Amino acid sequence: MTPRDLVLTGRGIRFAGRLWPCTIGRGGIRTDKREGDGATPVGTHRITGLLYRPDRIAAPQPWAQPIRPGDLWSDDPDRPDYNTLVRAPYPFSHETLRRADPLYDLILLTDWNWPDATPGAGSAIFLHRWRRAGYPTEGCVAFRPDHLWQIACQITPETRLIVPPR
């Protein structure tokens, strides 16, 4: 572990010398993550990308990529593009990244089950804003919007999300 890592604890994420409240998956923390279980997977996960809504917020880092109309995330384990960014029209199971609500205005991507996805092992684990404090995710790690922004402004390409077993 380094000071630049995001380390999940029982009280939140430890990062940059402070503790950031967060929520995790409704399925808790698991070593055997599966598609649809709502769990946050144990492991050391690299931050592989940073996406943002340019019509709503500024880029928090020079390497951030805009979320464009039609950007989707494939979560169909039967497709060869499972757990990757795809474009509409896409008739298979997916998540819309450019949402009407602000949930995905800022997304940190991790390397969970990526780039060579194992079907059924669970699609993307994002770091994104929470719906409200204490409200669980589908496996992602979620933060208060201003905290997510501050974290995104401080991460580097070397930053990792570390989820230890409980």
Protein backbone atom coordinates (compact mmCIF):
# COMPACT_ATOMS: atom_id res chain seq x y z
CA MET A 1 0.00 0.00 0.00
CA THR A 2 1.05 3.55 -0.68
CA PRO A 3 -0.35 6.92 0.49
CA ARG A 4 -1.83 7.31 -3.02
CA ASP A 5 -4.00 4.20 -2.65
CA LEU A 6 -7.70 4.24 -1.77
CA VAL A 7 -8.00 1.71 1.06
CA LEU A 8 -11.43 0.52 2.15
CA THR A 9 -11.86 0.27 5.91
CA GLY A 10 -14.87 -0.41 8.11
CA ARG A 11 -15.35 3.36 8.43
CA GLY A 12 -14.79 4.49 4.83
CA ILE A 13 -11.97 4.95 2.34
CA ARG A 14 -8.58 6.00 3.64
CA PHE A 15 -6.90 8.25 1.06
CA ALA A 16 -4.58 11.27 1.02
CA GLY A 17 -4.33 11.44 4.79
CA ARG A 18 -8.04 11.41 5.56
CA LEU A 19 -11.05 9.16 5.86
CA TRP A 20 -13.80 9.57 3.23
CA PRO A 21 -17.26 8.16 4.03
CA CYS A 22 -18.49 5.77 1.33
CA THR A 23 -21.01 3.08 0.58
CA ILE A 24 -20.32 -0.32 -0.93
CA GLY A 25 -22.34 -3.07 -2.56
CA ARG A 26 -25.58 -4.39 -1.08
CA GLY A 27 -23.98 -7.86 -1.17
CA GLY A 28 -21.11 -6.82 1.11
CA ILE A 29 -17.48 -7.64 0.42
CA ARG A 30 -16.78 -10.95 -1.28
CA THR A 31 -13.84 -12.94 -2.55
CA ASP A 32 -16.10 -14.83 -4.99
CA LYS A 33 -17.77 -11.95 -6.85
CA ARG A 34 -20.42 -12.98 -9.42
CA GLU A 35 -22.59 -11.04 -11.88
CA GLY A 36 -25.66 -9.64 -10.13
CA ASP A 37 -24.64 -10.44 -6.54
CA GLY A 38 -24.31 -6.77 -5.60
CA ALA A 39 -20.97 -7.44 -3.91
CA THR A 40 -17.84 -5.32 -3.81
CA PRO A 41 -14.91 -7.61 -4.70
CA VAL A 42 -11.90 -8.13 -2.47
CA GLY A 43 -8.61 -7.25 -4.13
CA THR A 44 -6.24 -4.58 -5.33
CA HIS A 45 -7.86 -2.84 -8.26
CA ARG A 46 -6.05 -0.34 -10.47
CA ILE A 47 -7.82 2.85 -11.49
CA THR A 48 -7.89 2.48 -15.28
CA GLY A 49 -9.94 5.46 -16.33
CA LEU A 50 -11.77 8.61 -15.35
CA LEU A 51 -15.00 9.59 -17.09
CA TYR A 52 -16.99 12.80 -16.65
CA ARG A 53 -20.06 14.59 -18.05
CA PRO A 54 -18.63 17.65 -19.85
CA ASP A 55 -22.08 19.26 -20.05
CA ARG A 56 -22.29 19.22 -16.23
CA ILE A 57 -18.77 19.37 -14.79
CA ALA A 58 -15.21 20.21 -15.78
CA ALA A 59 -12.59 17.53 -16.26
CA PRO A 60 -10.99 16.83 -12.86
CA GLN A 61 -7.76 15.62 -14.49
CA PRO A 62 -6.14 16.22 -17.89
CA TRP A 63 -6.43 12.49 -18.69
CA ALA A 64 -10.20 12.33 -17.95
CA GLN A 65 -12.41 11.27 -20.86
CA PRO A 66 -15.84 12.78 -21.58
CA ILE A 67 -19.00 10.68 -21.36
CA ARG A 68 -20.68 11.20 -24.73
CA PRO A 69 -24.31 10.72 -25.70
CA GLY A 70 -24.69 7.04 -26.56
CA ASP A 71 -21.92 5.80 -24.24
CA LEU A 72 -22.96 2.54 -22.58
CA TRP A 73 -21.29 -0.18 -20.50
CA SER A 74 -21.95 -3.76 -21.57
CA ASP A 75 -22.97 -6.01 -18.68
CA ASP A 76 -24.08 -8.95 -20.83
CA PRO A 77 -21.81 -11.91 -19.95
CA ASP A 78 -22.77 -13.66 -23.20
CA ARG A 79 -21.29 -10.90 -25.38
CA PRO A 80 -17.61 -10.64 -26.41
CA ASP A 81 -17.66 -6.94 -25.37
CA TYR A 82 -18.82 -7.80 -21.83
CA ASN A 83 -17.52 -5.33 -19.25
CA THR A 84 -16.40 -2.71 -21.76
CA LEU A 85 -17.54 0.66 -23.01
CA VAL A 86 -19.87 0.27 -25.98
CA ARG A 87 -21.92 2.68 -28.07
CA ALA A 88 -25.64 2.91 -28.73
CA PRO A 89 -27.46 1.39 -30.42
CA TYR A 90 -26.58 -1.71 -28.42
CA PRO A 91 -29.42 -4.24 -28.14
CA PHE A 92 -27.85 -6.33 -25.37
CA SER A 93 -27.82 -5.79 -21.61
CA HIS A 94 -25.99 -2.60 -20.63
CA GLU A 95 -25.83 0.40 -18.33
CA THR A 96 -26.32 3.88 -19.72
CA LEU A 97 -23.39 6.07 -18.69
CA ARG A 98 -24.95 9.39 -19.68
CA ARG A 99 -27.85 9.28 -17.24
CA ALA A 100 -30.63 11.78 -16.55
CA ASP A 101 -29.68 11.73 -12.85
CA PRO A 102 -26.19 12.76 -11.67
CA LEU A 103 -25.11 9.30 -10.42
CA TYR A 104 -22.53 8.83 -13.21
CA ASP A 105 -21.50 12.45 -13.81
CA LEU A 106 -18.04 11.40 -12.59
CA ILE A 107 -16.80 7.80 -12.73
CA LEU A 108 -13.48 6.27 -11.77
CA LEU A 109 -13.09 2.96 -13.62
CA THR A 110 -11.29 0.02 -12.06
CA ASP A 111 -9.70 -3.02 -13.64
CA TRP A 112 -12.13 -5.43 -11.96
CA ASN A 113 -12.64 -8.27 -14.47
CA TRP A 114 -11.04 -6.15 -17.19
CA PRO A 115 -9.59 -6.09 -19.85
CA ASP A 116 -10.02 -9.86 -20.33
CA ALA A 117 -13.42 -10.32 -18.72
CA THR A 118 -14.50 -13.70 -17.40
CA PRO A 119 -18.21 -14.11 -18.18
CA GLY A 120 -20.29 -14.11 -15.01
CA ALA A 121 -17.50 -12.83 -12.74
CA GLY A 122 -19.17 -9.44 -12.48
CA SER A 123 -19.02 -6.40 -14.65
CA ALA A 124 -17.50 -3.03 -13.83
CA ILE A 125 -16.70 -1.80 -10.37
CA PHE A 126 -16.91 1.98 -10.57
CA LEU A 127 -16.26 4.66 -8.01
CA HIS A 128 -19.13 7.13 -8.40
CA ARG A 129 -21.37 9.43 -6.37
CA TRP A 130 -23.79 7.94 -3.90
CA ARG A 131 -27.57 8.18 -4.09
CA ARG A 132 -27.54 9.12 -0.41
CA ALA A 133 -25.44 8.29 2.63
CA GLY A 134 -25.74 4.63 3.59
CA TYR A 135 -27.61 3.59 0.42
CA PRO A 136 -25.82 0.53 -1.00
CA THR A 137 -24.62 0.14 -4.58
CA GLU A 138 -24.70 -2.82 -6.95
CA GLY A 139 -21.04 -3.53 -6.04
CA CYS A 140 -19.41 -0.18 -6.75
CA VAL A 141 -17.94 2.19 -4.18
CA ALA A 142 -19.88 5.44 -3.88
CA PHE A 143 -19.09 8.80 -2.29
CA ARG A 144 -20.64 12.12 -1.46
CA PRO A 145 -20.42 14.18 -4.69
CA ASP A 146 -17.97 16.78 -3.38
CA HIS A 147 -15.76 14.08 -1.88
CA LEU A 148 -15.72 12.14 -5.16
CA TRP A 149 -14.65 15.34 -6.96
CA GLN A 150 -11.83 15.95 -4.43
CA ILE A 151 -10.64 12.36 -4.75
CA ALA A 152 -10.74 12.50 -8.57
CA CYS A 153 -8.65 15.68 -8.50
CA GLN A 154 -5.98 13.96 -6.38
CA ILE A 155 -5.65 10.52 -7.91
CA THR A 156 -2.84 9.55 -10.22
CA PRO A 157 -2.57 6.73 -12.77
CA GLU A 158 -0.78 4.77 -10.01
CA THR A 159 -3.71 5.02 -7.57
CA ARG A 160 -5.31 1.71 -6.63
CA LEU A 161 -8.51 0.75 -4.82
CA ILE A 162 -7.65 -1.78 -2.13
CA VAL A 163 -10.54 -3.82 -0.75
CA PRO A 164 -9.29 -6.12 2.00
CA PRO A 165 -11.28 -9.15 3.16
CA ARG A 166 -13.39 -8.52 6.25
